[in-house]
Amino acid sequence: MLQNWLKPLPAALVKSAEQLPANRLGKNIAPFTEQLPDLKKVRIALIGAGEKEANDIREYLYQTTFAFPKAQIADLGNLRKADASLLIPVVFELLSVRVLPVILGGKDAMAKAQFMAYQDARALVNMVAVDEKSGLAIPARCTRPCSGRRTTCCSISA
């Protein structure tokens, strides 16, 4: 079903990843080319939101050192359209088979969509945003810690 929302990686990107040394991330990722990788062997899935920016990130990410067992990370390509409504079912489906989605690129609306998918799946939410200019609110201080069954929250004051 993921094929409905995702398009395969560009052949040039896959070819450049195959030429990397054995200890690089790009050499050890299971790419979505013509067929989706077998998700039974995958723990982490990369998904691009915004084809150009996601592929630019991949060029650098693939060159980083890789110290994990082979075929535990898959690159599922890019969303067919960089739209939050397409991201929600993709993240939900990955969470349902116990695969951690990592979104590359995209606007701040994609972070909200990812959160909504986690909420629908009733999954624990951990989020890291690496962005030069994030539009997400950064809490100044936590004034009222509280705990839920699987989450921790707080009241934020500016």
C-alpha atoms as a PDB file:
ATOM      1  CA  MET A   1       0.000   0.000   0.000  1.00  0.00           C
ATOM      2  CA  LEU A   2       2.957   2.335   0.566  1.00  0.00           C
ATOM      3  CA  GLN A   3       3.526   2.400  -3.206  1.00  0.00           C
ATOM      4  CA  ASN A   4       0.360   4.511  -3.501  1.00  0.00           C
ATOM      5  CA  TRP A   5       1.992   7.382  -1.590  1.00  0.00           C
ATOM      6  CA  LEU A   6       5.687   6.993  -2.409  1.00  0.00           C
ATOM      7  CA  LYS A   7       7.806   7.137  -5.519  1.00  0.00           C
ATOM      8  CA  PRO A   8      11.127   5.314  -5.883  1.00  0.00           C
ATOM      9  CA  LEU A   9      14.524   6.915  -5.446  1.00  0.00           C
ATOM     10  CA  PRO A  10      16.168   8.413  -8.543  1.00  0.00           C
ATOM     11  CA  ALA A  11      18.446   5.889 -10.277  1.00  0.00           C
ATOM     12  CA  ALA A  12      21.417   8.299 -10.174  1.00  0.00           C
ATOM     13  CA  LEU A  13      21.158   8.591  -6.381  1.00  0.00           C
ATOM     14  CA  VAL A  14      21.004   4.813  -5.935  1.00  0.00           C
ATOM     15  CA  LYS A  15      23.963   4.336  -8.273  1.00  0.00           C
ATOM     16  CA  SER A  16      26.095   6.873  -6.380  1.00  0.00           C
ATOM     17  CA  ALA A  17      25.191   5.153  -3.085  1.00  0.00           C
ATOM     18  CA  GLU A  18      26.294   1.787  -4.471  1.00  0.00           C
ATOM     19  CA  GLN A  19      29.723   3.228  -5.257  1.00  0.00           C
ATOM     20  CA  LEU A  20      30.370   4.375  -1.681  1.00  0.00           C
ATOM     21  CA  PRO A  21      32.797   2.515   0.631  1.00  0.00           C
ATOM     22  CA  ALA A  22      31.311  -0.350   2.673  1.00  0.00           C
ATOM     23  CA  ASN A  23      31.309   1.637   5.927  1.00  0.00           C
ATOM     24  CA  ARG A  24      29.019   4.408   4.609  1.00  0.00           C
ATOM     25  CA  LEU A  25      25.305   4.684   5.300  1.00  0.00           C
ATOM     26  CA  GLY A  26      24.321   4.884   1.633  1.00  0.00           C
ATOM     27  CA  LYS A  27      26.034   1.578   0.896  1.00  0.00           C
ATOM     28  CA  ASN A  28      24.098  -0.156   3.688  1.00  0.00           C
ATOM     29  CA  ILE A  29      20.578   1.134   3.088  1.00  0.00           C
ATOM     30  CA  ALA A  30      17.884  -0.945   1.398  1.00  0.00           C
ATOM     31  CA  PRO A  31      16.600   1.453  -1.313  1.00  0.00           C
ATOM     32  CA  PHE A  32      13.143   1.634  -2.880  1.00  0.00           C
ATOM     33  CA  THR A  33      13.880   1.329  -6.587  1.00  0.00           C
ATOM     34  CA  GLU A  34      11.369  -0.811  -8.465  1.00  0.00           C
ATOM     35  CA  GLN A  35      10.094  -2.740  -5.434  1.00  0.00           C
ATOM     36  CA  LEU A  36       9.746  -1.690  -1.817  1.00  0.00           C
ATOM     37  CA  PRO A  37      12.286  -3.289   0.525  1.00  0.00           C
ATOM     38  CA  ASP A  38      11.050  -6.075   2.810  1.00  0.00           C
ATOM     39  CA  LEU A  39       9.932  -4.149   5.898  1.00  0.00           C
ATOM     40  CA  LYS A  40      10.213  -7.257   8.102  1.00  0.00           C
ATOM     41  CA  LYS A  41      13.974  -6.661   8.213  1.00  0.00           C
ATOM     42  CA  VAL A  42      13.735  -2.882   8.599  1.00  0.00           C
ATOM     43  CA  ARG A  43      13.830  -0.872  11.840  1.00  0.00           C
ATOM     44  CA  ILE A  44      14.158   2.659  10.391  1.00  0.00           C
ATOM     45  CA  ALA A  45      12.687   4.051   7.159  1.00  0.00           C
ATOM     46  CA  LEU A  46      13.750   7.285   5.485  1.00  0.00           C
ATOM     47  CA  ILE A  47      11.014   9.184   3.636  1.00  0.00           C
ATOM     48  CA  GLY A  48      11.504  12.329   1.588  1.00  0.00           C
ATOM     49  CA  ALA A  49       8.990  15.161   1.823  1.00  0.00           C
ATOM     50  CA  GLY A  50       9.844  17.557  -0.975  1.00  0.00           C
ATOM     51  CA  GLU A  51      11.854  15.664  -3.579  1.00  0.00           C
ATOM     52  CA  LYS A  52      14.637  18.156  -4.282  1.00  0.00           C
ATOM     53  CA  GLU A  53      15.414  19.026  -0.676  1.00  0.00           C
ATOM     54  CA  ALA A  54      15.140  15.396   0.489  1.00  0.00           C
ATOM     55  CA  ASN A  55      17.498  14.199  -2.255  1.00  0.00           C
ATOM     56  CA  ASP A  56      19.962  16.974  -1.374  1.00  0.00           C
ATOM     57  CA  ILE A  57      19.910  15.779   2.251  1.00  0.00           C
ATOM     58  CA  ARG A  58      20.431  12.182   1.111  1.00  0.00           C
ATOM     59  CA  GLU A  59      23.586  13.081  -0.810  1.00  0.00           C
ATOM     60  CA  TYR A  60      25.245  14.132   2.456  1.00  0.00           C
ATOM     61  CA  LEU A  61      23.508  11.640   4.749  1.00  0.00           C
ATOM     62  CA  TYR A  62      24.562   8.679   2.629  1.00  0.00           C
ATOM     63  CA  GLN A  63      28.213   9.640   3.067  1.00  0.00           C
ATOM     64  CA  THR A  64      28.115   9.396   6.877  1.00  0.00           C
ATOM     65  CA  THR A  65      29.718   6.451   8.673  1.00  0.00           C
ATOM     66  CA  PHE A  66      27.444   3.471   9.281  1.00  0.00           C
ATOM     67  CA  ALA A  67      27.943   1.162  12.275  1.00  0.00           C
ATOM     68  CA  PHE A  68      24.697  -0.827  12.357  1.00  0.00           C
ATOM     69  CA  PRO A  69      23.668  -4.270  11.074  1.00  0.00           C
ATOM     70  CA  LYS A  70      22.999  -4.353   7.335  1.00  0.00           C
ATOM     71  CA  ALA A  71      19.447  -3.926   5.992  1.00  0.00           C
ATOM     72  CA  GLN A  72      18.006  -2.416   9.142  1.00  0.00           C
ATOM     73  CA  ILE A  73      17.503   0.946   7.415  1.00  0.00           C
ATOM     74  CA  ALA A  74      15.463   1.419   4.268  1.00  0.00           C
ATOM     75  CA  ASP A  75      15.058   4.483   2.106  1.00  0.00           C
ATOM     76  CA  LEU A  76      11.489   4.456   0.867  1.00  0.00           C
ATOM     77  CA  GLY A  77      11.952   7.310  -1.572  1.00  0.00           C
ATOM     78  CA  ASN A  78       9.842  10.455  -1.652  1.00  0.00           C
ATOM     79  CA  LEU A  79       6.201  11.269  -1.141  1.00  0.00           C
ATOM     80  CA  ARG A  80       4.493  11.529  -4.528  1.00  0.00           C
ATOM     81  CA  LYS A  81       3.358  14.991  -3.462  1.00  0.00           C
ATOM     82  CA  ALA A  82       4.870  16.963  -0.570  1.00  0.00           C
ATOM     83  CA  ASP A  83       1.557  17.171   1.244  1.00  0.00           C
ATOM     84  CA  ALA A  84       0.852  16.503   4.903  1.00  0.00           C
ATOM     85  CA  SER A  85      -2.276  14.502   4.042  1.00  0.00           C
ATOM     86  CA  LEU A  86      -0.083  11.942   2.247  1.00  0.00           C
ATOM     87  CA  LEU A  87       2.407  11.692   5.102  1.00  0.00           C
ATOM     88  CA  ILE A  88      -0.117  10.661   7.771  1.00  0.00           C
ATOM     89  CA  PRO A  89      -1.053   7.259   6.260  1.00  0.00           C
ATOM     90  CA  VAL A  90       2.596   6.507   5.401  1.00  0.00           C
ATOM     91  CA  VAL A  91       3.775   7.134   8.973  1.00  0.00           C
ATOM     92  CA  PHE A  92       0.779   5.266  10.406  1.00  0.00           C
ATOM     93  CA  GLU A  93       1.456   2.217   8.225  1.00  0.00           C
ATOM     94  CA  LEU A  94       5.154   2.171   9.142  1.00  0.00           C
ATOM     95  CA  LEU A  95       4.378   2.455  12.854  1.00  0.00           C
ATOM     96  CA  SER A  96       1.893  -0.417  12.561  1.00  0.00           C
ATOM     97  CA  VAL A  97       4.728  -2.721  11.413  1.00  0.00           C
ATOM     98  CA  ARG A  98       7.097  -1.318  14.069  1.00  0.00           C
ATOM     99  CA  VAL A  99       9.285   0.726  11.713  1.00  0.00           C
ATOM    100  CA  LEU A 100      10.503   4.154  12.833  1.00  0.00           C
ATOM    101  CA  PRO A 101       9.882   6.767  10.120  1.00  0.00           C
ATOM    102  CA  VAL A 102      12.483   9.518   9.596  1.00  0.00           C
ATOM    103  CA  ILE A 103      11.223  12.385   7.449  1.00  0.00           C
ATOM    104  CA  LEU A 104      13.763  14.209   5.279  1.00  0.00           C
ATOM    105  CA  GLY A 105      12.904  17.760   4.226  1.00  0.00           C
ATOM    106  CA  GLY A 106       9.459  19.225   4.162  1.00  0.00           C
ATOM    107  CA  LYS A 107       7.711  22.161   5.740  1.00  0.00           C
ATOM    108  CA  ASP A 108       6.693  22.531   9.379  1.00  0.00           C
ATOM    109  CA  ALA A 109       3.256  21.152   8.480  1.00  0.00           C
ATOM    110  CA  MET A 110       4.954  17.780   7.926  1.00  0.00           C
ATOM    111  CA  ALA A 111       6.021  17.688  11.592  1.00  0.00           C
ATOM    112  CA  LYS A 112       2.404  18.235  12.631  1.00  0.00           C
ATOM    113  CA  ALA A 113       1.257  15.505  10.232  1.00  0.00           C
ATOM    114  CA  GLN A 114       3.840  13.114  11.642  1.00  0.00           C
ATOM    115  CA  PHE A 115       2.643  13.897  15.171  1.00  0.00           C
ATOM    116  CA  MET A 116      -0.966  13.246  14.121  1.00  0.00           C
ATOM    117  CA  ALA A 117      -0.009   9.851  12.685  1.00  0.00           C
ATOM    118  CA  TYR A 118       1.739   8.933  15.937  1.00  0.00           C
ATOM    119  CA  GLN A 119      -1.357  10.027  17.829  1.00  0.00           C
ATOM    120  CA  ASP A 120      -3.594   7.883  15.583  1.00  0.00           C
ATOM    121  CA  ALA A 121      -1.280   4.909  16.137  1.00  0.00           C
ATOM    122  CA  ARG A 122      -1.211   5.603  19.881  1.00  0.00           C
ATOM    123  CA  ALA A 123       2.573   5.462  19.710  1.00  0.00           C
ATOM    124  CA  LEU A 124       5.157   7.201  21.835  1.00  0.00           C
ATOM    125  CA  VAL A 125       6.285  10.438  20.186  1.00  0.00           C
ATOM    126  CA  ASN A 126       9.935  11.475  20.067  1.00  0.00           C
ATOM    127  CA  MET A 127      10.842  14.286  17.744  1.00  0.00           C
ATOM    128  CA  VAL A 128      14.093  15.829  16.591  1.00  0.00           C
ATOM    129  CA  ALA A 129      14.043  18.718  14.144  1.00  0.00           C
ATOM    130  CA  VAL A 130      17.288  19.839  12.549  1.00  0.00           C
ATOM    131  CA  ASP A 131      16.487  23.075  10.801  1.00  0.00           C
ATOM    132  CA  GLU A 132      18.178  26.405  10.265  1.00  0.00           C
ATOM    133  CA  LYS A 133      14.892  28.256  10.766  1.00  0.00           C
ATOM    134  CA  SER A 134      12.273  26.075  12.375  1.00  0.00           C
ATOM    135  CA  GLY A 135       8.769  27.451  12.708  1.00  0.00           C
ATOM    136  CA  LEU A 136       8.048  25.044  15.550  1.00  0.00           C
ATOM    137  CA  ALA A 137       7.606  26.543  18.996  1.00  0.00           C
ATOM    138  CA  ILE A 138      10.570  26.064  21.310  1.00  0.00           C
ATOM    139  CA  PRO A 139       9.521  25.968  24.976  1.00  0.00           C
ATOM    140  CA  ALA A 140      11.153  28.617  27.154  1.00  0.00           C
ATOM    141  CA  ARG A 141      10.521  26.694  30.368  1.00  0.00           C
ATOM    142  CA  CYS A 142       8.300  23.987  31.689  1.00  0.00           C
ATOM    143  CA  THR A 143       6.096  25.166  34.580  1.00  0.00           C
ATOM    144  CA  ARG A 144       3.906  22.132  35.254  1.00  0.00           C
ATOM    145  CA  PRO A 145       5.323  18.663  34.559  1.00  0.00           C
ATOM    146  CA  CYS A 146       2.778  15.903  34.192  1.00  0.00           C
ATOM    147  CA  SER A 147       2.945  12.244  33.212  1.00  0.00           C
ATOM    148  CA  GLY A 148       0.612  10.111  31.191  1.00  0.00           C
ATOM    149  CA  ARG A 149       0.725   6.411  30.527  1.00  0.00           C
ATOM    150  CA  ARG A 150       3.175   6.692  27.642  1.00  0.00           C
ATOM    151  CA  THR A 151       3.906  10.397  27.420  1.00  0.00           C
ATOM    152  CA  THR A 152       5.382  13.227  29.402  1.00  0.00           C
ATOM    153  CA  CYS A 153       4.018  16.734  28.996  1.00  0.00           C
ATOM    154  CA  CYS A 154       4.304  20.122  30.593  1.00  0.00           C
ATOM    155  CA  SER A 155       2.707  23.536  30.587  1.00  0.00           C
ATOM    156  CA  ILE A 156       4.839  26.081  28.783  1.00  0.00           C
ATOM    157  CA  SER A 157       5.237  29.695  29.749  1.00  0.00           C
ATOM    158  CA  ALA A 158       7.091  32.237  27.646  1.00  0.00           C
END
